[in-house]
Structures are given as C-alpha cells and as structure tokens.
Amino acid sequence: MRTNDILCIGGINIDWATISPENYYPVDSFSFVFTPAVGGVIYNVASNLTDLEHDIHLISAVGDDPHHEMILKALHEKKIARQNILTRKGEQTASIVFMIGNNGELLHHIERTQIYERFTPYDLKPLQAEMEASKTWIIDTDLSADTLSYIAHRVPETSKLFGVISTPEKADRIVSILAHFEGLFLNLDELNCLTKCTINTKAEILAASDWLREQGITYVFITLGPDGVCVNTPEYKGIMPALTADVQDTQGAGDAFASTVIDAFTRGNYSMVDIVSRGLAASSLAVEVKKRTNGMLSHALINERMQNI
C-alpha cells in the first residue's frame, strides 16, 4: 500500500562517472571510460522514496537536448510522474562528471547545472495548488537562493519541509531560510561551508549541530561518512556509528540516508534511534553498489541490514 505523495523539488542531471586507477586526482596518461546514469540529489531521493512505497510529486527542469530523453525514460521506469518536469528550449540538461577512487571515495567532480539558476518562482506559481496537497516537502540546494526562499515561505503550516544540501558550494543558499526546515541533511564539508567555520572534532560537530537547532531546525542530521552521523533532535543528540559495509562507491549514500529517514518520519511509528538506524542501514546498502543506488532500496533489505545493528 502506497502512502500519501511526497513533494520533491530540485535537480535532476546526467551523472558521468569513471573510476580512477589511483586514489587521488589528477591522474595523467590514463584512458577513462565515463558511464552515464540519471542522478542528482532530488532524483536520488525521489527514486529511493518510490522504492520505499511512496507516491512522488517531482518538480525539476531539463533541457531540450538528447539527454533529457534519458531522464524521462528513467522517470517512466520508476513510475514517477513526469508532467511537472519542465523542458527548457535551447538549454542543456544538467550534467555532472565524477571521478571516483578505487576505494569508492569521490576524488573530483565538475558540474554544469546552470539550468537550475533559471528555474524561478515564476515556474512554480502555476503548481502551487498541487504543491500544497503534499504533507512532506523536500528541496535541494541546486535551486537558486531566491527560488528556495520562495518555496520555503509557501509551505503550508500543516506540511513539513526537509532540506538536502547538494554540494558544499551551494550550502549558503539556505542561510536565510534555516528556520523553515523541519529537518536538514548535510555532510561535514557542507557544514563547514554553511557555518563558514573549520569543524573537525566530534565536540565541534555537536556544537555546530546545536547552532543549527538554535536557528529553528527541529531535526539535524550531519553525515560523517565512515564515522556515522551526528544527530541532534528533541529526542536524541549524539553521534551514531556507521555500519560495516563492503564499500564500492560512496556516491548516493547520503541520499539513501535522507530518503530512509524521511520515509520513517512519514510513518510515525519509529523512535528517533530507530529512524536513524534505518537510515544508516540504507547508507550501508548504498555504498555496496557501484554507480547509482537507485532501485536497490526496500523495506525488506533495510530490515535485514538492521539485524547488524
């Protein structure tokens, strides 16, 4: 049985990923094979939530180049409605090139995401009534600061807004709207950019999570890679360790965590420790899959992995 739909607004792009023969960048004199796949934070989150039995109301933008057909096909296969994927004539679909080390860690990325800078409140105004029907809203920071602010100020009082920071460079786009978030997901690099501080130790991370709570965010989740996740909520505060995993590719782990945590929130029958544990289980599943993680999450797999906690 599928639940009430979740509204997702943000970036969808074509990811071009390649594996480096070494765990550093740059690498000279080596022939790389770049494999394309549909990605982007909000696409990954929406795809995972579809696998977790939610209906998704997705809003994004693509160009009118051949790559947009790949995205529309992927959405069709995931059974995610495509009617609010706006096609921009004469523009290029967003693309990101990833170089991944043979240990699964991201070494370097180059992005072309200018199409989202021209995704404006004007595009969203005709969709306002549809948007307000969703009780859970999720946005990522691929959108401009003005568009993010427009969305945040129009979330109904009966709905909850969750934010996922897409890259460190785009973290400061949400500074003015932090108080509007029910929950926020970010990693350590993004935390440093958001706070404009150098944060490294566990004590500093916990202090920064307190600062985010003081801005009005109820639920703060700072993912720390192999060190787990910093959680700061009314019910629980602390750093929960990651699960042991056979790491193949760390890309998408944070999106899997956020998706699973939001899924658990919407169901309303989990303690905070259980919610975070489910997110950590999903992350450990995600890093064991090369390339994209879409299509591999399920409640059954998460429940099975939870046995390791």
Protein backbone atom coordinates (compact mmCIF):
# COMPACT_ATOMS: atom_id res chain seq x y z
CA MET A 1 0.00 0.00 0.00
CA ARG A 2 1.48 3.33 -1.05
CA THR A 3 1.35 6.39 1.20
CA ASN A 4 0.32 9.99 0.55
CA ASP A 5 2.56 11.63 -2.01
CA ILE A 6 5.78 13.46 -1.19
CA LEU A 7 6.75 16.66 -2.99
CA CYS A 8 10.36 16.77 -4.25
CA ILE A 9 11.76 19.92 -5.90
CA GLY A 10 15.34 20.20 -7.13
CA GLY A 11 17.91 18.95 -9.58
CA ILE A 12 17.93 16.03 -12.00
CA ASN A 13 21.02 15.53 -14.11
CA ILE A 14 23.10 13.09 -16.08
CA ASP A 15 25.98 11.74 -14.00
CA TRP A 16 29.13 10.76 -15.87
CA ALA A 17 31.17 8.55 -13.57
CA THR A 18 34.60 6.99 -14.01
CA ILE A 19 36.90 5.03 -11.73
CA SER A 20 40.42 6.38 -11.19
CA PRO A 21 43.26 3.83 -11.08
CA GLU A 22 44.60 5.71 -8.05
CA ASN A 23 43.00 7.28 -5.00
CA TYR A 24 43.97 10.81 -5.93
CA TYR A 25 43.29 13.50 -8.55
CA PRO A 26 44.56 14.46 -11.10
CA VAL A 27 45.68 11.33 -12.88
CA ASP A 28 47.75 11.60 -16.07
CA SER A 29 48.08 9.36 -19.11
CA PHE A 30 45.18 7.02 -18.48
CA SER A 31 42.21 6.20 -20.69
CA PHE A 32 38.96 6.72 -18.79
CA VAL A 33 35.54 5.32 -19.62
CA PHE A 34 32.72 7.59 -18.45
CA THR A 35 29.42 5.80 -17.81
CA PRO A 36 26.25 7.95 -17.92
CA ALA A 37 23.37 7.48 -15.48
CA VAL A 38 20.46 9.59 -14.29
CA GLY A 39 21.27 11.25 -10.97
CA GLY A 40 21.03 14.42 -8.93
CA VAL A 41 20.15 14.72 -5.25
CA ILE A 42 16.42 15.21 -5.63
CA TYR A 43 16.19 12.46 -8.25
CA ASN A 44 18.05 10.03 -5.98
CA VAL A 45 15.82 10.93 -3.04
CA ALA A 46 12.64 10.66 -5.12
CA SER A 47 13.73 7.35 -6.63
CA ASN A 48 14.57 5.88 -3.24
CA LEU A 49 11.27 7.03 -1.77
CA THR A 50 9.46 5.42 -4.68
CA ASP A 51 11.20 2.15 -3.84
CA LEU A 52 10.04 2.68 -0.25
CA GLU A 53 6.44 2.74 -1.48
CA HIS A 54 5.68 6.47 -1.68
CA ASP A 55 3.98 8.33 -4.49
CA ILE A 56 6.24 11.18 -5.59
CA HIS A 57 5.29 14.59 -6.92
CA LEU A 58 8.52 15.68 -8.63
CA ILE A 59 9.29 19.17 -9.97
CA SER A 60 12.50 19.87 -11.87
CA ALA A 61 13.84 21.15 -15.19
CA VAL A 62 15.69 19.63 -18.16
CA GLY A 63 16.99 20.95 -21.45
CA ASP A 64 15.74 20.00 -24.91
CA ASP A 65 18.94 18.13 -25.78
CA PRO A 66 19.07 14.32 -26.24
CA HIS A 67 19.97 13.79 -22.57
CA HIS A 68 16.54 14.82 -21.38
CA GLU A 69 15.06 11.73 -23.05
CA MET A 70 17.26 9.56 -20.84
CA ILE A 71 15.85 11.30 -17.77
CA LEU A 72 12.22 11.00 -18.89
CA LYS A 73 12.76 7.31 -19.61
CA ALA A 74 14.23 6.75 -16.14
CA LEU A 75 11.26 8.50 -14.53
CA HIS A 76 8.86 6.36 -16.56
CA GLU A 77 10.63 3.20 -15.44
CA LYS A 78 10.44 4.31 -11.80
CA LYS A 79 6.76 5.21 -12.26
CA ILE A 80 7.43 8.81 -11.21
CA ALA A 81 5.07 11.29 -12.88
CA ARG A 82 6.78 13.48 -15.48
CA GLN A 83 4.18 16.18 -16.08
CA ASN A 84 5.99 18.77 -13.93
CA ILE A 85 9.45 18.20 -15.39
CA LEU A 86 9.86 21.47 -17.27
CA THR A 87 11.66 21.36 -20.63
CA ARG A 88 13.75 24.47 -21.41
CA LYS A 89 14.11 25.12 -25.12
CA GLY A 90 17.64 25.84 -26.26
CA GLU A 91 19.20 24.81 -22.93
CA GLN A 92 21.33 21.86 -21.91
CA THR A 93 20.25 19.29 -19.35
CA ALA A 94 22.37 19.45 -16.20
CA SER A 95 25.40 17.14 -16.17
CA ILE A 96 27.99 16.26 -13.53
CA VAL A 97 31.27 14.42 -14.15
CA PHE A 98 32.52 12.35 -11.21
CA MET A 99 35.95 10.80 -10.74
CA ILE A 100 35.82 8.09 -8.10
CA GLY A 101 38.82 6.46 -6.46
CA ASN A 102 39.20 2.70 -6.46
CA ASN A 103 38.32 2.84 -2.75
CA GLY A 104 34.89 4.20 -3.65
CA GLU A 105 35.55 7.77 -2.46
CA LEU A 106 34.78 10.82 -4.60
CA LEU A 107 38.01 12.44 -5.82
CA HIS A 108 36.76 15.25 -8.03
CA HIS A 109 33.64 16.48 -9.80
CA ILE A 110 32.80 19.02 -12.48
CA GLU A 111 29.24 20.20 -12.92
CA ARG A 112 27.15 22.04 -15.50
CA THR A 113 23.95 22.93 -13.67
CA GLN A 114 23.20 26.44 -14.92
CA ILE A 115 19.71 25.38 -15.99
CA TYR A 116 18.63 25.45 -12.35
CA GLU A 117 19.67 29.07 -11.95
CA ARG A 118 16.91 29.91 -14.42
CA PHE A 119 14.32 27.79 -12.61
CA THR A 120 12.38 30.59 -10.91
CA PRO A 121 9.31 31.21 -8.72
CA TYR A 122 7.51 32.07 -11.95
CA ASP A 123 7.75 28.39 -12.91
CA LEU A 124 6.28 27.27 -9.59
CA LYS A 125 3.33 29.64 -9.26
CA PRO A 126 1.02 27.60 -11.56
CA LEU A 127 1.80 24.48 -9.48
CA GLN A 128 1.09 25.99 -6.08
CA ALA A 129 -2.25 24.22 -5.52
CA GLU A 130 -0.72 20.84 -6.37
CA MET A 131 2.25 21.52 -4.14
CA GLU A 132 0.10 22.37 -1.14
CA ALA A 133 -1.60 18.96 -1.28
CA SER A 134 1.61 17.27 -0.08
CA LYS A 135 2.26 16.98 3.64
CA THR A 136 6.01 16.38 3.15
CA TRP A 137 8.16 18.73 1.05
CA ILE A 138 11.81 18.07 0.14
CA ILE A 139 14.12 20.55 -1.60
CA ASP A 140 17.79 20.52 -2.56
CA THR A 141 20.21 23.39 -3.00
CA ASP A 142 20.65 23.02 -6.75
CA LEU A 143 17.91 25.65 -6.92
CA SER A 144 18.80 29.34 -6.60
CA ALA A 145 18.58 31.11 -3.24
CA ASP A 146 15.59 33.15 -4.47
CA THR A 147 13.68 30.05 -5.58
CA LEU A 148 14.50 28.20 -2.36
CA SER A 149 13.24 31.17 -0.35
CA TYR A 150 10.05 31.33 -2.42
CA ILE A 151 9.36 27.64 -1.72
CA ALA A 152 10.17 27.85 1.99
CA HIS A 153 7.75 30.72 2.53
CA ARG A 154 4.90 28.82 0.87
CA VAL A 155 4.98 25.56 2.79
CA PRO A 156 1.56 25.18 4.49
CA GLU A 157 1.52 25.10 8.29
CA THR A 158 0.22 21.53 8.07
CA SER A 159 3.21 20.37 5.96
CA LYS A 160 6.86 19.70 6.83
CA LEU A 161 9.87 20.95 4.86
CA PHE A 162 13.07 18.90 4.65
CA GLY A 163 16.26 20.17 3.03
CA VAL A 164 19.16 18.24 1.48
CA ILE A 165 22.31 20.22 0.66
CA SER A 166 23.61 19.07 -2.72
CA THR A 167 27.21 20.41 -2.68
CA PRO A 168 29.35 22.45 -0.25
CA GLU A 169 29.47 25.36 -2.70
CA LYS A 170 25.66 25.68 -2.57
CA ALA A 171 25.22 25.39 1.19
CA ASP A 172 24.92 29.12 1.83
CA ARG A 173 21.80 29.34 -0.37
CA ILE A 174 19.64 28.32 2.59
CA VAL A 175 21.13 30.57 5.29
CA SER A 176 18.14 32.93 5.26
CA ILE A 177 15.54 30.13 5.47
CA LEU A 178 17.01 27.77 8.06
CA ALA A 179 14.11 28.41 10.43
CA HIS A 180 11.66 26.99 7.87
CA PHE A 181 13.15 23.48 7.90
CA GLU A 182 11.68 20.67 9.93
CA GLY A 183 14.79 18.64 9.08
CA LEU A 184 18.12 19.26 7.35
CA PHE A 185 20.59 16.75 5.88
CA LEU A 186 24.19 17.76 5.17
CA ASN A 187 27.73 16.37 5.33
CA LEU A 188 30.79 17.74 7.09
CA ASP A 189 32.12 19.71 4.09
CA GLU A 190 28.69 21.29 3.64
CA LEU A 191 28.52 22.08 7.35
CA ASN A 192 31.86 23.91 7.11
CA CYS A 193 30.61 25.98 4.20
CA LEU A 194 27.25 26.70 5.83
CA THR A 195 28.79 27.85 9.13
CA LYS A 196 31.89 29.38 7.49
CA CYS A 197 33.98 27.59 10.11
CA THR A 198 36.52 24.78 10.09
CA ILE A 199 34.86 21.98 12.03
CA ASN A 200 36.67 18.69 12.60
CA THR A 201 36.30 17.20 16.08
CA LYS A 202 33.22 15.45 17.44
CA ALA A 203 32.80 18.20 20.02
CA GLU A 204 32.87 20.86 17.28
CA ILE A 205 30.39 18.90 15.17
CA LEU A 206 27.97 18.58 18.08
CA ALA A 207 28.35 22.29 18.85
CA ALA A 208 27.60 23.15 15.22
CA SER A 209 24.53 20.92 15.33
CA ASP A 210 23.38 22.89 18.40
CA TRP A 211 23.79 26.09 16.38
CA LEU A 212 21.60 24.67 13.61
CA ARG A 213 18.94 23.72 16.17
CA GLU A 214 19.10 27.29 17.50
CA GLN A 215 18.27 28.58 14.00
CA GLY A 216 14.93 26.79 14.26
CA ILE A 217 15.62 23.40 12.66
CA THR A 218 13.97 20.62 14.64
CA TYR A 219 15.91 17.66 13.24
CA VAL A 220 19.58 17.97 12.23
CA PHE A 221 21.47 15.13 10.53
CA ILE A 222 25.16 15.60 9.67
CA THR A 223 26.52 12.58 7.81
CA LEU A 224 30.17 11.78 8.57
CA GLY A 225 30.95 9.01 6.08
CA PRO A 226 32.62 6.04 7.78
CA ASP A 227 32.26 7.82 11.14
CA GLY A 228 28.48 7.60 11.03
CA VAL A 229 26.08 10.51 11.57
CA CYS A 230 25.66 13.35 14.04
CA VAL A 231 22.05 13.53 15.17
CA ASN A 232 20.57 16.49 17.03
CA THR A 233 16.83 16.31 17.70
CA PRO A 234 14.46 16.87 20.63
CA GLU A 235 14.52 13.12 21.31
CA TYR A 236 18.20 12.29 20.79
CA LYS A 237 21.57 14.01 20.46
CA GLY A 238 24.82 12.23 19.68
CA ILE A 239 26.95 10.55 17.02
CA MET A 240 25.75 7.16 15.87
CA PRO A 241 28.36 4.90 14.20
CA ALA A 242 28.13 3.71 10.61
CA LEU A 243 27.52 0.05 9.84
CA THR A 244 30.29 -2.10 8.45
CA ALA A 245 30.00 -2.33 4.67
CA ASP A 246 31.93 -3.56 1.64
CA VAL A 247 32.41 -0.10 0.10
CA GLN A 248 32.23 0.05 -3.69
CA ASP A 249 31.01 3.61 -4.31
CA THR A 250 30.13 6.23 -1.69
CA GLN A 251 28.07 8.34 -4.09
CA GLY A 252 24.39 8.29 -3.16
CA ALA A 253 24.92 7.12 0.42
CA GLY A 254 23.80 10.42 1.90
CA ASP A 255 20.73 10.49 -0.35
CA ALA A 256 19.84 6.95 0.72
CA PHE A 257 20.15 8.01 4.37
CA ALA A 258 17.96 11.08 3.89
CA SER A 259 15.31 9.16 1.92
CA THR A 260 15.03 6.43 4.51
CA VAL A 261 14.90 8.83 7.45
CA ILE A 262 12.14 10.85 5.77
CA ASP A 263 10.26 7.64 4.96
CA ALA A 264 10.39 6.66 8.65
CA PHE A 265 9.20 10.13 9.71
CA THR A 266 6.13 9.87 7.49
CA ARG A 267 5.15 6.54 9.03
CA GLY A 268 5.24 7.91 12.56
CA ASN A 269 5.81 4.66 14.41
CA TYR A 270 9.59 4.68 15.00
CA SER A 271 11.74 6.07 17.80
CA MET A 272 14.46 8.54 16.76
CA VAL A 273 17.17 5.92 17.30
CA ASP A 274 15.24 3.51 15.09
CA ILE A 275 14.76 6.21 12.43
CA VAL A 276 18.49 6.95 12.27
CA SER A 277 19.38 3.26 12.41
CA ARG A 278 17.20 2.65 9.36
CA GLY A 279 18.98 5.50 7.57
CA LEU A 280 22.38 4.04 8.43
CA ALA A 281 21.24 0.63 7.19
CA ALA A 282 20.19 2.20 3.89
CA SER A 283 23.54 4.01 3.58
CA SER A 284 25.46 0.78 4.13
CA LEU A 285 23.41 -0.87 1.38
CA ALA A 286 24.05 2.08 -0.95
CA VAL A 287 27.85 2.06 -0.66
CA GLU A 288 27.99 -1.62 -1.59
CA VAL A 289 26.60 -0.91 -5.07
CA LYS A 290 28.72 0.56 -7.86
CA LYS A 291 27.42 3.60 -9.79
CA ARG A 292 23.90 4.72 -8.87
CA THR A 293 22.00 3.28 -5.95
CA ASN A 294 18.52 3.77 -7.39
CA GLY A 295 16.31 0.70 -7.46
CA MET A 296 18.02 -1.22 -4.68
CA LEU A 297 16.33 0.05 -1.51
CA SER A 298 13.38 -1.74 0.04
CA HIS A 299 11.92 -2.19 3.49
CA ALA A 300 12.88 -5.85 3.36
CA LEU A 301 16.55 -5.08 2.62
CA ILE A 302 16.67 -2.37 5.28
CA ASN A 303 15.06 -4.63 7.87
CA GLU A 304 17.55 -7.36 7.06
CA ARG A 305 20.51 -4.99 7.36
CA MET A 306 19.09 -3.66 10.64
CA GLN A 307 19.90 -7.04 12.14
CA ASN A 308 23.56 -5.95 12.08
CA ILE A 309 22.93 -3.01 14.42
